[in-house]
Every structure is written in structure tokens, then in C-alpha cells.
Amino acid sequence: MAETSVEAGLKRENHKANRPQTYDAFTVTGARLFVAERKTGKIYEIQGLPLEWRPFSDLSWADEETLMFDRWSAPHYGVHYSINVKSKRLMAAVPFPDQVYLKRQRQTRKDRVTK
């Protein structure tokens, strides 16, 4: 997370505040993710995650300081991220497929076994 500012005129999307209303998370143009600390007024951008051109989705707060979100690398395959905004550290990056991808993978393996 790098301290930054949001350029004037950019529309903040997907706004999510944590329960005690101490942090706000939001995207700009879908592919840029920010966290604003209400007490200090500082804004941080989450940077360095793979596939920077892909949009973030499903922003949610697990607790007062853990932001979770997804970034899909393909229509049926994504990575679920968890970041502690207080310590500004990545806690987890877990790849996951959806049901369509899993079904296709199972079928491909079954086809290989039967050949």
C-alpha cells in the first residue's frame, strides 16, 4: 500500500466502509483500489498485485482492519486477496476457480484417463 492522492474528477466506485467507519475502500476505473483512513485523511493505493489491468471486485471487510477482494484473471478463474489495512500487509492471495472451471477441469481429466 502506497500513500497517494486521488486525482480530482475521478469517480469513486464500489465504496465500502468498515463497520466502525474508520476506513473506506473504493475503486477508481475498476482496476485501481484505494483505502482512505478517515482519522488522518490519508489515502493509500494497493499496488503490486498481478494483472494490474484487471478490475477488482467483491470488496468487503472481514473485520475492522481486514479488506478482502477478488481479481479475476479469466472469466472463470480468480484470486481472492486479504489485506490488513492497519499494518498495510498482504495477508493472503488464494487462487480459486468457479464451478464452470472446475467442471471443465474434471471433464478434461476424465477424458485423458479414458483415452
PDB file of N, CA and C in Angstrom:
ATOM      1  N   MET A   1       0.853  -1.172   0.000  1.00  0.00           N
ATOM      2  CA  MET A   1       0.000   0.000   0.000  1.00  0.00           C
ATOM      3  C   MET A   1       0.899   1.235   0.000  1.00  0.00           C
ATOM      4  N   ALA A   2       0.675   2.087  -0.968  1.00  0.00           N
ATOM      5  CA  ALA A   2       1.484   3.286  -1.100  1.00  0.00           C
ATOM      6  C   ALA A   2       0.615   4.512  -0.882  1.00  0.00           C
ATOM      7  N   GLU A   3       1.100   5.442  -0.064  1.00  0.00           N
ATOM      8  CA  GLU A   3       0.341   6.668   0.165  1.00  0.00           C
ATOM      9  C   GLU A   3       0.277   7.462  -1.134  1.00  0.00           C
ATOM     10  N   THR A   4      -0.898   7.985  -1.418  1.00  0.00           N
ATOM     11  CA  THR A   4      -1.113   8.690  -2.682  1.00  0.00           C
ATOM     12  C   THR A   4      -2.268   9.673  -2.504  1.00  0.00           C
ATOM     13  N   SER A   5      -2.713  10.218  -3.590  1.00  0.00           N
ATOM     14  CA  SER A   5      -3.929  11.030  -3.607  1.00  0.00           C
ATOM     15  C   SER A   5      -4.730  10.613  -4.833  1.00  0.00           C
ATOM     16  N   VAL A   6      -6.005  10.898  -4.786  1.00  0.00           N
ATOM     17  CA  VAL A   6      -6.878  10.574  -5.915  1.00  0.00           C
ATOM     18  C   VAL A   6      -7.079  11.851  -6.718  1.00  0.00           C
ATOM     19  N   GLU A   7      -6.798  11.762  -8.001  1.00  0.00           N
ATOM     20  CA  GLU A   7      -6.914  12.932  -8.847  1.00  0.00           C
ATOM     21  C   GLU A   7      -8.344  13.473  -8.826  1.00  0.00           C
ATOM     22  N   ALA A   8      -8.475  14.775  -8.835  1.00  0.00           N
ATOM     23  CA  ALA A   8      -9.794  15.403  -8.846  1.00  0.00           C
ATOM     24  C   ALA A   8     -10.556  14.988 -10.101  1.00  0.00           C
ATOM     25  N   GLY A   9     -11.820  14.768  -9.960  1.00  0.00           N
ATOM     26  CA  GLY A   9     -12.660  14.430 -11.095  1.00  0.00           C
ATOM     27  C   GLY A   9     -12.814  12.941 -11.345  1.00  0.00           C
ATOM     28  N   LEU A  10     -12.001  12.105 -10.687  1.00  0.00           N
ATOM     29  CA  LEU A  10     -12.152  10.667 -10.861  1.00  0.00           C
ATOM     30  C   LEU A  10     -13.304  10.169  -9.998  1.00  0.00           C
ATOM     31  N   LYS A  11     -14.118   9.326 -10.604  1.00  0.00           N
ATOM     32  CA  LYS A  11     -15.292   8.806  -9.908  1.00  0.00           C
ATOM     33  C   LYS A  11     -14.898   7.635  -9.018  1.00  0.00           C
ATOM     34  N   ARG A  12     -15.276   7.719  -7.746  1.00  0.00           N
ATOM     35  CA  ARG A  12     -15.041   6.632  -6.796  1.00  0.00           C
ATOM     36  C   ARG A  12     -16.174   5.630  -6.920  1.00  0.00           C
ATOM     37  N   GLU A  13     -15.796   4.365  -7.112  1.00  0.00           N
ATOM     38  CA  GLU A  13     -16.790   3.309  -7.324  1.00  0.00           C
ATOM     39  C   GLU A  13     -16.649   2.248  -6.246  1.00  0.00           C
ATOM     40  N   ASN A  14     -17.663   1.407  -6.106  1.00  0.00           N
ATOM     41  CA  ASN A  14     -17.633   0.243  -5.208  1.00  0.00           C
ATOM     42  C   ASN A  14     -17.228   0.608  -3.786  1.00  0.00           C
ATOM     43  N   HIS A  15     -17.713   1.718  -3.286  1.00  0.00           N
ATOM     44  CA  HIS A  15     -17.346   2.204  -1.959  1.00  0.00           C
ATOM     45  C   HIS A  15     -17.826   1.251  -0.866  1.00  0.00           C
ATOM     46  N   LYS A  16     -16.904   0.874   0.032  1.00  0.00           N
ATOM     47  CA  LYS A  16     -17.225   0.040   1.190  1.00  0.00           C
ATOM     48  C   LYS A  16     -16.497   0.596   2.406  1.00  0.00           C
ATOM     49  N   ALA A  17     -17.246   0.896   3.463  1.00  0.00           N
ATOM     50  CA  ALA A  17     -16.650   1.347   4.716  1.00  0.00           C
ATOM     51  C   ALA A  17     -16.623   0.176   5.691  1.00  0.00           C
ATOM     52  N   ASN A  18     -15.597   0.145   6.539  1.00  0.00           N
ATOM     53  CA  ASN A  18     -15.580  -0.906   7.553  1.00  0.00           C
ATOM     54  C   ASN A  18     -16.610  -0.570   8.632  1.00  0.00           C
ATOM     55  N   ARG A  19     -16.919  -1.533   9.482  1.00  0.00           N
ATOM     56  CA  ARG A  19     -18.005  -1.374  10.460  1.00  0.00           C
ATOM     57  C   ARG A  19     -17.837  -0.154  11.369  1.00  0.00           C
ATOM     58  N   PRO A  20     -16.659   0.078  11.963  1.00  0.00           N
ATOM     59  CA  PRO A  20     -16.532   1.254  12.835  1.00  0.00           C
ATOM     60  C   PRO A  20     -16.344   2.573  12.072  1.00  0.00           C
ATOM     61  N   GLN A  21     -16.416   2.498  10.733  1.00  0.00           N
ATOM     62  CA  GLN A  21     -16.301   3.693   9.894  1.00  0.00           C
ATOM     63  C   GLN A  21     -14.947   4.403  10.050  1.00  0.00           C
ATOM     64  N   THR A  22     -13.867   3.620  10.187  1.00  0.00           N
ATOM     65  CA  THR A  22     -12.530   4.204  10.289  1.00  0.00           C
ATOM     66  C   THR A  22     -11.777   4.160   8.967  1.00  0.00           C
ATOM     67  N   TYR A  23     -12.175   3.230   8.076  1.00  0.00           N
ATOM     68  CA  TYR A  23     -11.548   3.109   6.759  1.00  0.00           C
ATOM     69  C   TYR A  23     -12.622   3.024   5.688  1.00  0.00           C
ATOM     70  N   ASP A  24     -12.304   3.581   4.523  1.00  0.00           N
ATOM     71  CA  ASP A  24     -13.138   3.456   3.337  1.00  0.00           C
ATOM     72  C   ASP A  24     -12.307   2.806   2.245  1.00  0.00           C
ATOM     73  N   ALA A  25     -12.875   1.823   1.567  1.00  0.00           N
ATOM     74  CA  ALA A  25     -12.220   1.221   0.408  1.00  0.00           C
ATOM     75  C   ALA A  25     -13.058   1.564  -0.818  1.00  0.00           C
ATOM     76  N   PHE A  26     -12.398   1.809  -1.925  1.00  0.00           N
ATOM     77  CA  PHE A  26     -13.115   2.130  -3.160  1.00  0.00           C
ATOM     78  C   PHE A  26     -12.204   1.889  -4.354  1.00  0.00           C
ATOM     79  N   THR A  27     -12.806   1.722  -5.504  1.00  0.00           N
ATOM     80  CA  THR A  27     -12.042   1.573  -6.734  1.00  0.00           C
ATOM     81  C   THR A  27     -12.206   2.826  -7.583  1.00  0.00           C
ATOM     82  N   VAL A  28     -11.257   3.012  -8.476  1.00  0.00           N
ATOM     83  CA  VAL A  28     -11.315   4.069  -9.486  1.00  0.00           C
ATOM     84  C   VAL A  28     -11.017   3.374 -10.804  1.00  0.00           C
ATOM     85  N   THR A  29     -11.872   3.539 -11.756  1.00  0.00           N
ATOM     86  CA  THR A  29     -11.797   2.871 -13.068  1.00  0.00           C
ATOM     87  C   THR A  29     -11.718   1.353 -12.930  1.00  0.00           C
ATOM     88  N   GLY A  30     -12.200   0.830 -11.824  1.00  0.00           N
ATOM     89  CA  GLY A  30     -12.261  -0.606 -11.615  1.00  0.00           C
ATOM     90  C   GLY A  30     -10.941  -1.271 -11.296  1.00  0.00           C
ATOM     91  N   ALA A  31      -9.864  -0.847 -11.938  1.00  0.00           N
ATOM     92  CA  ALA A  31      -8.577  -1.529 -11.809  1.00  0.00           C
ATOM     93  C   ALA A  31      -7.618  -0.864 -10.823  1.00  0.00           C
ATOM     94  N   ARG A  32      -8.058   0.169 -10.143  1.00  0.00           N
ATOM     95  CA  ARG A  32      -7.239   0.811  -9.110  1.00  0.00           C
ATOM     96  C   ARG A  32      -8.026   0.761  -7.799  1.00  0.00           C
ATOM     97  N   LEU A  33      -7.377   0.286  -6.746  1.00  0.00           N
ATOM     98  CA  LEU A  33      -8.035   0.094  -5.452  1.00  0.00           C
ATOM     99  C   LEU A  33      -7.374   0.980  -4.404  1.00  0.00           C
ATOM    100  N   PHE A  34      -8.208   1.724  -3.675  1.00  0.00           N
ATOM    101  CA  PHE A  34      -7.728   2.666  -2.675  1.00  0.00           C
ATOM    102  C   PHE A  34      -8.353   2.380  -1.323  1.00  0.00           C
ATOM    103  N   VAL A  35      -7.627   2.767  -0.272  1.00  0.00           N
ATOM    104  CA  VAL A  35      -8.148   2.724   1.089  1.00  0.00           C
ATOM    105  C   VAL A  35      -7.894   4.096   1.696  1.00  0.00           C
ATOM    106  N   ALA A  36      -8.946   4.712   2.221  1.00  0.00           N
ATOM    107  CA  ALA A  36      -8.833   6.020   2.863  1.00  0.00           C
ATOM    108  C   ALA A  36      -8.966   5.834   4.364  1.00  0.00           C
ATOM    109  N   GLU A  37      -8.046   6.428   5.094  1.00  0.00           N
ATOM    110  CA  GLU A  37      -8.073   6.396   6.548  1.00  0.00           C
ATOM    111  C   GLU A  37      -8.780   7.666   7.004  1.00  0.00           C
ATOM    112  N   ARG A  38      -9.958   7.517   7.573  1.00  0.00           N
ATOM    113  CA  ARG A  38     -10.778   8.685   7.917  1.00  0.00           C
ATOM    114  C   ARG A  38     -10.132   9.592   8.963  1.00  0.00           C
ATOM    115  N   LYS A  39      -9.473   9.027   9.959  1.00  0.00           N
ATOM    116  CA  LYS A  39      -8.906   9.812  11.064  1.00  0.00           C
ATOM    117  C   LYS A  39      -7.831  10.773  10.581  1.00  0.00           C
ATOM    118  N   THR A  40      -6.946  10.287   9.716  1.00  0.00           N
ATOM    119  CA  THR A  40      -5.826  11.103   9.249  1.00  0.00           C
ATOM    120  C   THR A  40      -6.101  11.768   7.900  1.00  0.00           C
ATOM    121  N   GLY A  41      -7.072  11.239   7.163  1.00  0.00           N
ATOM    122  CA  GLY A  41      -7.350  11.756   5.833  1.00  0.00           C
ATOM    123  C   GLY A  41      -6.399  11.230   4.768  1.00  0.00           C
ATOM    124  N   LYS A  42      -5.507  10.320   5.144  1.00  0.00           N
ATOM    125  CA  LYS A  42      -4.548   9.771   4.182  1.00  0.00           C
ATOM    126  C   LYS A  42      -5.233   8.736   3.289  1.00  0.00           C
ATOM    127  N   ILE A  43      -4.760   8.683   2.045  1.00  0.00           N
ATOM    128  CA  ILE A  43      -5.274   7.723   1.072  1.00  0.00           C
ATOM    129  C   ILE A  43      -4.121   6.859   0.599  1.00  0.00           C
ATOM    130  N   TYR A  44      -4.375   5.543   0.545  1.00  0.00           N
ATOM    131  CA  TYR A  44      -3.373   4.579   0.114  1.00  0.00           C
ATOM    132  C   TYR A  44      -3.901   3.814  -1.087  1.00  0.00           C
ATOM    133  N   GLU A  45      -3.014   3.547  -2.034  1.00  0.00           N
ATOM    134  CA  GLU A  45      -3.383   2.717  -3.177  1.00  0.00           C
ATOM    135  C   GLU A  45      -2.739   1.350  -3.011  1.00  0.00           C
ATOM    136  N   ILE A  46      -3.508   0.316  -3.251  1.00  0.00           N
ATOM    137  CA  ILE A  46      -2.986  -1.042  -3.202  1.00  0.00           C
ATOM    138  C   ILE A  46      -2.327  -1.310  -4.554  1.00  0.00           C
ATOM    139  N   GLN A  47      -1.029  -1.552  -4.515  1.00  0.00           N
ATOM    140  CA  GLN A  47      -0.241  -1.706  -5.736  1.00  0.00           C
ATOM    141  C   GLN A  47       0.557  -2.999  -5.695  1.00  0.00           C
ATOM    142  N   GLY A  48       1.044  -3.415  -6.853  1.00  0.00           N
ATOM    143  CA  GLY A  48       1.962  -4.539  -6.936  1.00  0.00           C
ATOM    144  C   GLY A  48       1.303  -5.893  -7.071  1.00  0.00           C
ATOM    145  N   LEU A  49      -0.015  -5.927  -7.195  1.00  0.00           N
ATOM    146  CA  LEU A  49      -0.691  -7.202  -7.384  1.00  0.00           C
ATOM    147  C   LEU A  49      -0.678  -7.554  -8.866  1.00  0.00           C
ATOM    148  N   PRO A  50      -0.566  -8.831  -9.193  1.00  0.00           N
ATOM    149  CA  PRO A  50      -0.524  -9.238 -10.603  1.00  0.00           C
ATOM    150  C   PRO A  50      -1.786  -8.833 -11.367  1.00  0.00           C
ATOM    151  N   LEU A  51      -1.651  -8.773 -12.660  1.00  0.00           N
ATOM    152  CA  LEU A  51      -2.752  -8.474 -13.586  1.00  0.00           C
ATOM    153  C   LEU A  51      -3.355  -7.098 -13.322  1.00  0.00           C
ATOM    154  N   GLU A  52      -2.494  -6.096 -13.274  1.00  0.00           N
ATOM    155  CA  GLU A  52      -2.929  -4.749 -12.899  1.00  0.00           C
ATOM    156  C   GLU A  52      -3.988  -4.148 -13.818  1.00  0.00           C
ATOM    157  N   TRP A  53      -4.181  -4.674 -14.997  1.00  0.00           N
ATOM    158  CA  TRP A  53      -5.201  -4.165 -15.916  1.00  0.00           C
ATOM    159  C   TRP A  53      -6.571  -4.782 -15.635  1.00  0.00           C
ATOM    160  N   ARG A  54      -6.644  -5.811 -14.795  1.00  0.00           N
ATOM    161  CA  ARG A  54      -7.915  -6.473 -14.496  1.00  0.00           C
ATOM    162  C   ARG A  54      -8.611  -5.758 -13.339  1.00  0.00           C
ATOM    163  N   PRO A  55      -9.922  -5.665 -13.372  1.00  0.00           N
ATOM    164  CA  PRO A  55     -10.645  -4.947 -12.309  1.00  0.00           C
ATOM    165  C   PRO A  55     -10.710  -5.726 -11.001  1.00  0.00           C
ATOM    166  N   PHE A  56     -10.882  -4.980  -9.923  1.00  0.00           N
ATOM    167  CA  PHE A  56     -11.123  -5.569  -8.607  1.00  0.00           C
ATOM    168  C   PHE A  56     -12.617  -5.748  -8.441  1.00  0.00           C
ATOM    169  N   SER A  57     -13.022  -6.765  -7.678  1.00  0.00           N
ATOM    170  CA  SER A  57     -14.445  -6.975  -7.440  1.00  0.00           C
ATOM    171  C   SER A  57     -14.660  -7.492  -6.027  1.00  0.00           C
ATOM    172  N   ASP A  58     -15.908  -7.474  -5.620  1.00  0.00           N
ATOM    173  CA  ASP A  58     -16.351  -8.055  -4.348  1.00  0.00           C
ATOM    174  C   ASP A  58     -15.601  -7.512  -3.140  1.00  0.00           C
ATOM    175  N   LEU A  59     -15.445  -6.181  -3.063  1.00  0.00           N
ATOM    176  CA  LEU A  59     -14.816  -5.587  -1.897  1.00  0.00           C
ATOM    177  C   LEU A  59     -15.680  -5.840  -0.669  1.00  0.00           C
ATOM    178  N   SER A  60     -15.055  -6.271   0.417  1.00  0.00           N
ATOM    179  CA  SER A  60     -15.773  -6.457   1.681  1.00  0.00           C
ATOM    180  C   SER A  60     -14.773  -6.422   2.827  1.00  0.00           C
ATOM    181  N   TRP A  61     -15.281  -6.140   4.006  1.00  0.00           N
ATOM    182  CA  TRP A  61     -14.460  -6.087   5.204  1.00  0.00           C
ATOM    183  C   TRP A  61     -14.731  -7.337   6.038  1.00  0.00           C
ATOM    184  N   ALA A  62     -13.684  -8.087   6.372  1.00  0.00           N
ATOM    185  CA  ALA A  62     -13.822  -9.269   7.220  1.00  0.00           C
ATOM    186  C   ALA A  62     -13.947  -8.849   8.685  1.00  0.00           C
ATOM    187  N   ASP A  63     -13.242  -7.800   9.042  1.00  0.00           N
ATOM    188  CA  ASP A  63     -13.308  -7.239  10.385  1.00  0.00           C
ATOM    189  C   ASP A  63     -12.924  -5.768  10.283  1.00  0.00           C
ATOM    190  N   GLU A  64     -12.555  -5.159  11.389  1.00  0.00           N
ATOM    191  CA  GLU A  64     -12.293  -3.721  11.399  1.00  0.00           C
ATOM    192  C   GLU A  64     -11.112  -3.282  10.539  1.00  0.00           C
ATOM    193  N   GLU A  65     -10.175  -4.203  10.277  1.00  0.00           N
ATOM    194  CA  GLU A  65      -8.985  -3.795   9.534  1.00  0.00           C
ATOM    195  C   GLU A  65      -8.571  -4.746   8.416  1.00  0.00           C
ATOM    196  N   THR A  66      -9.400  -5.724   8.097  1.00  0.00           N
ATOM    197  CA  THR A  66      -9.064  -6.672   7.034  1.00  0.00           C
ATOM    198  C   THR A  66      -9.985  -6.483   5.836  1.00  0.00           C
ATOM    199  N   LEU A  67      -9.406  -6.020   4.748  1.00  0.00           N
ATOM    200  CA  LEU A  67     -10.130  -5.817   3.496  1.00  0.00           C
ATOM    201  C   LEU A  67      -9.933  -7.046   2.613  1.00  0.00           C
ATOM    202  N   MET A  68     -11.018  -7.551   2.078  1.00  0.00           N
ATOM    203  CA  MET A  68     -10.953  -8.692   1.162  1.00  0.00           C
ATOM    204  C   MET A  68     -11.540  -8.271  -0.182  1.00  0.00           C
ATOM    205  N   PHE A  69     -10.980  -8.845  -1.259  1.00  0.00           N
ATOM    206  CA  PHE A  69     -11.450  -8.527  -2.606  1.00  0.00           C
ATOM    207  C   PHE A  69     -10.956  -9.592  -3.558  1.00  0.00           C
ATOM    208  N   ASP A  70     -11.507  -9.588  -4.755  1.00  0.00           N
ATOM    209  CA  ASP A  70     -11.135 -10.558  -5.781  1.00  0.00           C
ATOM    210  C   ASP A  70     -10.617  -9.832  -7.010  1.00  0.00           C
ATOM    211  N   ARG A  71      -9.794 -10.546  -7.760  1.00  0.00           N
ATOM    212  CA  ARG A  71      -9.373 -10.089  -9.083  1.00  0.00           C
ATOM    213  C   ARG A  71      -9.392 -11.325  -9.971  1.00  0.00           C
ATOM    214  N   TRP A  72     -10.221 -11.267 -11.000  1.00  0.00           N
ATOM    215  CA  TRP A  72     -10.387 -12.408 -11.900  1.00  0.00           C
ATOM    216  C   TRP A  72      -9.367 -12.311 -13.015  1.00  0.00           C
ATOM    217  N   SER A  73      -8.624 -13.413 -13.240  1.00  0.00           N
ATOM    218  CA  SER A  73      -7.640 -13.442 -14.321  1.00  0.00           C
ATOM    219  C   SER A  73      -8.256 -13.946 -15.617  1.00  0.00           C
ATOM    220  N   ALA A  74      -9.390 -14.615 -15.518  1.00  0.00           N
ATOM    221  CA  ALA A  74     -10.149 -15.127 -16.655  1.00  0.00           C
ATOM    222  C   ALA A  74     -11.608 -15.179 -16.205  1.00  0.00           C
ATOM    223  N   PRO A  75     -12.535 -15.380 -17.115  1.00  0.00           N
ATOM    224  CA  PRO A  75     -13.943 -15.381 -16.698  1.00  0.00           C
ATOM    225  C   PRO A  75     -14.288 -16.391 -15.610  1.00  0.00           C
ATOM    226  N   HIS A  76     -13.528 -17.464 -15.506  1.00  0.00           N
ATOM    227  CA  HIS A  76     -13.870 -18.499 -14.536  1.00  0.00           C
ATOM    228  C   HIS A  76     -12.747 -18.814 -13.554  1.00  0.00           C
ATOM    229  N   TYR A  77     -11.764 -17.922 -13.442  1.00  0.00           N
ATOM    230  CA  TYR A  77     -10.645 -18.178 -12.541  1.00  0.00           C
ATOM    231  C   TYR A  77     -10.159 -16.866 -11.944  1.00  0.00           C
ATOM    232  N   GLY A  78     -10.095 -16.802 -10.618  1.00  0.00           N
ATOM    233  CA  GLY A  78      -9.700 -15.571  -9.961  1.00  0.00           C
ATOM    234  C   GLY A  78      -8.778 -15.806  -8.786  1.00  0.00           C
ATOM    235  N   VAL A  79      -8.399 -14.696  -8.148  1.00  0.00           N
ATOM    236  CA  VAL A  79      -7.579 -14.740  -6.943  1.00  0.00           C
ATOM    237  C   VAL A  79      -8.296 -13.914  -5.882  1.00  0.00           C
ATOM    238  N   HIS A  80      -8.425 -14.500  -4.697  1.00  0.00           N
ATOM    239  CA  HIS A  80      -9.051 -13.833  -3.563  1.00  0.00           C
ATOM    240  C   HIS A  80      -7.934 -13.266  -2.680  1.00  0.00           C
ATOM    241  N   TYR A  81      -7.981 -11.968  -2.415  1.00  0.00           N
ATOM    242  CA  TYR A  81      -6.952 -11.298  -1.633  1.00  0.00           C
ATOM    243  C   TYR A  81      -7.498 -10.863  -0.287  1.00  0.00           C
ATOM    244  N   SER A  82      -6.599 -10.810   0.691  1.00  0.00           N
ATOM    245  CA  SER A  82      -6.920 -10.321   2.024  1.00  0.00           C
ATOM    246  C   SER A  82      -5.773  -9.422   2.459  1.00  0.00           C
ATOM    247  N   ILE A  83      -6.086  -8.188   2.844  1.00  0.00           N
ATOM    248  CA  ILE A  83      -5.067  -7.220   3.230  1.00  0.00           C
ATOM    249  C   ILE A  83      -5.421  -6.625   4.586  1.00  0.00           C
ATOM    250  N   ASN A  84      -4.428  -6.545   5.472  1.00  0.00           N
ATOM    251  CA  ASN A  84      -4.610  -5.854   6.729  1.00  0.00           C
ATOM    252  C   ASN A  84      -4.253  -4.401   6.470  1.00  0.00           C
ATOM    253  N   VAL A  85      -5.247  -3.523   6.489  1.00  0.00           N
ATOM    254  CA  VAL A  85      -5.005  -2.124   6.128  1.00  0.00           C
ATOM    255  C   VAL A  85      -4.282  -1.358   7.227  1.00  0.00           C
ATOM    256  N   LYS A  86      -4.389  -1.832   8.468  1.00  0.00           N
ATOM    257  CA  LYS A  86      -3.686  -1.159   9.564  1.00  0.00           C
ATOM    258  C   LYS A  86      -2.179  -1.370   9.443  1.00  0.00           C
ATOM    259  N   SER A  87      -1.761  -2.612   9.208  1.00  0.00           N
ATOM    260  CA  SER A  87      -0.329  -2.903   9.055  1.00  0.00           C
ATOM    261  C   SER A  87       0.146  -2.726   7.615  1.00  0.00           C
ATOM    262  N   LYS A  88      -0.824  -2.560   6.696  1.00  0.00           N
ATOM    263  CA  LYS A  88      -0.539  -2.372   5.267  1.00  0.00           C
ATOM    264  C   LYS A  88       0.195  -3.575   4.673  1.00  0.00           C
ATOM    265  N   ARG A  89      -0.265  -4.775   5.054  1.00  0.00           N
ATOM    266  CA  ARG A  89       0.377  -6.011   4.588  1.00  0.00           C
ATOM    267  C   ARG A  89      -0.633  -6.952   3.952  1.00  0.00           C
ATOM    268  N   LEU A  90      -0.157  -7.616   2.908  1.00  0.00           N
ATOM    269  CA  LEU A  90      -0.945  -8.658   2.256  1.00  0.00           C
ATOM    270  C   LEU A  90      -0.970  -9.870   3.177  1.00  0.00           C
ATOM    271  N   MET A  91      -2.150 -10.351   3.505  1.00  0.00           N
ATOM    272  CA  MET A  91      -2.283 -11.497   4.401  1.00  0.00           C
ATOM    273  C   MET A  91      -2.445 -12.797   3.611  1.00  0.00           C
ATOM    274  N   ALA A  92      -3.170 -12.733   2.493  1.00  0.00           N
ATOM    275  CA  ALA A  92      -3.407 -13.946   1.712  1.00  0.00           C
ATOM    276  C   ALA A  92      -3.719 -13.592   0.264  1.00  0.00           C
ATOM    277  N   ALA A  93      -3.315 -14.479  -0.632  1.00  0.00           N
ATOM    278  CA  ALA A  93      -3.666 -14.412  -2.050  1.00  0.00           C
ATOM    279  C   ALA A  93      -3.974 -15.849  -2.449  1.00  0.00           C
ATOM    280  N   VAL A  94      -5.251 -16.161  -2.549  1.00  0.00           N
ATOM    281  CA  VAL A  94      -5.684 -17.540  -2.755  1.00  0.00           C
ATOM    282  C   VAL A  94      -6.371 -17.676  -4.106  1.00  0.00           C
ATOM    283  N   PRO A  95      -5.785 -18.438  -5.039  1.00  0.00           N
ATOM    284  CA  PRO A  95      -6.444 -18.643  -6.337  1.00  0.00           C
ATOM    285  C   PRO A  95      -7.665 -19.536  -6.165  1.00  0.00           C
ATOM    286  N   PHE A  96      -8.697 -19.235  -6.941  1.00  0.00           N
ATOM    287  CA  PHE A  96      -9.887 -20.077  -6.882  1.00  0.00           C
ATOM    288  C   PHE A  96     -10.620 -20.063  -8.221  1.00  0.00           C
ATOM    289  N   PRO A  97     -11.107 -21.206  -8.618  1.00  0.00           N
ATOM    290  CA  PRO A  97     -11.927 -21.304  -9.830  1.00  0.00           C
ATOM    291  C   PRO A  97     -13.402 -21.289  -9.456  1.00  0.00           C
ATOM    292  N   ASP A  98     -14.239 -20.959 -10.420  1.00  0.00           N
ATOM    293  CA  ASP A  98     -15.678 -21.083 -10.171  1.00  0.00           C
ATOM    294  C   ASP A  98     -16.133 -22.478 -10.593  1.00  0.00           C
ATOM    295  N   GLN A  99     -17.401 -22.766 -10.447  1.00  0.00           N
ATOM    296  CA  GLN A  99     -17.927 -24.105 -10.730  1.00  0.00           C
ATOM    297  C   GLN A  99     -17.776 -24.507 -12.201  1.00  0.00           C
ATOM    298  N   VAL A 100     -17.914 -23.554 -13.122  1.00  0.00           N
ATOM    299  CA  VAL A 100     -17.767 -23.862 -14.548  1.00  0.00           C
ATOM    300  C   VAL A 100     -16.348 -24.351 -14.825  1.00  0.00           C
ATOM    301  N   TYR A 101     -15.360 -23.670 -14.279  1.00  0.00           N
ATOM    302  CA  TYR A 101     -13.959 -24.055 -14.478  1.00  0.00           C
ATOM    303  C   TYR A 101     -13.685 -25.437 -13.883  1.00  0.00           C
ATOM    304  N   LEU A 102     -14.176 -25.662 -12.657  1.00  0.00           N
ATOM    305  CA  LEU A 102     -13.963 -26.962 -12.014  1.00  0.00           C
ATOM    306  C   LEU A 102     -14.578 -28.099 -12.818  1.00  0.00           C
ATOM    307  N   LYS A 103     -15.781 -27.893 -13.317  1.00  0.00           N
ATOM    308  CA  LYS A 103     -16.458 -28.933 -14.094  1.00  0.00           C
ATOM    309  C   LYS A 103     -15.667 -29.245 -15.366  1.00  0.00           C
ATOM    310  N   ARG A 104     -15.170 -28.195 -16.031  1.00  0.00           N
ATOM    311  CA  ARG A 104     -14.390 -28.371 -17.255  1.00  0.00           C
ATOM    312  C   ARG A 104     -13.091 -29.124 -16.959  1.00  0.00           C
ATOM    313  N   GLN A 105     -12.423 -28.799 -15.845  1.00  0.00           N
ATOM    314  CA  GLN A 105     -11.187 -29.480 -15.480  1.00  0.00           C
ATOM    315  C   GLN A 105     -11.440 -30.956 -15.179  1.00  0.00           C
ATOM    316  N   ARG A 106     -12.521 -31.245 -14.456  1.00  0.00           N
ATOM    317  CA  ARG A 106     -12.843 -32.638 -14.145  1.00  0.00           C
ATOM    318  C   ARG A 106     -13.115 -33.425 -15.419  1.00  0.00           C
ATOM    319  N   GLN A 107     -13.825 -32.818 -16.366  1.00  0.00           N
ATOM    320  CA  GLN A 107     -14.143 -33.491 -17.621  1.00  0.00           C
ATOM    321  C   GLN A 107     -12.882 -33.747 -18.437  1.00  0.00           C
ATOM    322  N   THR A 108     -11.978 -32.773 -18.474  1.00  0.00           N
ATOM    323  CA  THR A 108     -10.726 -32.924 -19.216  1.00  0.00           C
ATOM    324  C   THR A 108      -9.900 -34.068 -18.629  1.00  0.00           C
ATOM    325  N   ARG A 109      -9.810 -34.166 -17.312  1.00  0.00           N
ATOM    326  CA  ARG A 109      -9.070 -35.256 -16.674  1.00  0.00           C
ATOM    327  C   ARG A 109      -9.720 -36.598 -16.966  1.00  0.00           C
ATOM    328  N   LYS A 110     -11.047 -36.634 -16.925  1.00  0.00           N
ATOM    329  CA  LYS A 110     -11.771 -37.875 -17.199  1.00  0.00           C
ATOM    330  C   LYS A 110     -11.523 -38.314 -18.632  1.00  0.00           C
ATOM    331  N   ASP A 111     -11.500 -37.372 -19.574  1.00  0.00           N
ATOM    332  CA  ASP A 111     -11.246 -37.688 -20.979  1.00  0.00           C
ATOM    333  C   ASP A 111      -9.840 -38.250 -21.169  1.00  0.00           C
ATOM    334  N   ARG A 112      -8.860 -37.710 -20.463  1.00  0.00           N
ATOM    335  CA  ARG A 112      -7.480 -38.190 -20.577  1.00  0.00           C
ATOM    336  C   ARG A 112      -7.353 -39.616 -20.046  1.00  0.00           C
ATOM    337  N   VAL A 113      -8.060 -39.923 -18.988  1.00  0.00           N
ATOM    338  CA  VAL A 113      -7.989 -41.251 -18.388  1.00  0.00           C
ATOM    339  C   VAL A 113      -8.617 -42.297 -19.288  1.00  0.00           C
ATOM    340  N   THR A 114      -9.700 -41.936 -19.974  1.00  0.00           N
ATOM    341  CA  THR A 114     -10.404 -42.901 -20.817  1.00  0.00           C
ATOM    342  C   THR A 114      -9.742 -43.101 -22.165  1.00  0.00           C
ATOM    343  N   LYS A 115      -8.792 -42.271 -22.537  1.00  0.00           N
ATOM    344  CA  LYS A 115      -8.133 -42.412 -23.858  1.00  0.00           C
ATOM    345  C   LYS A 115      -7.071 -43.464 -23.834  1.00  0.00           C
TER     346      LYS A 115
END
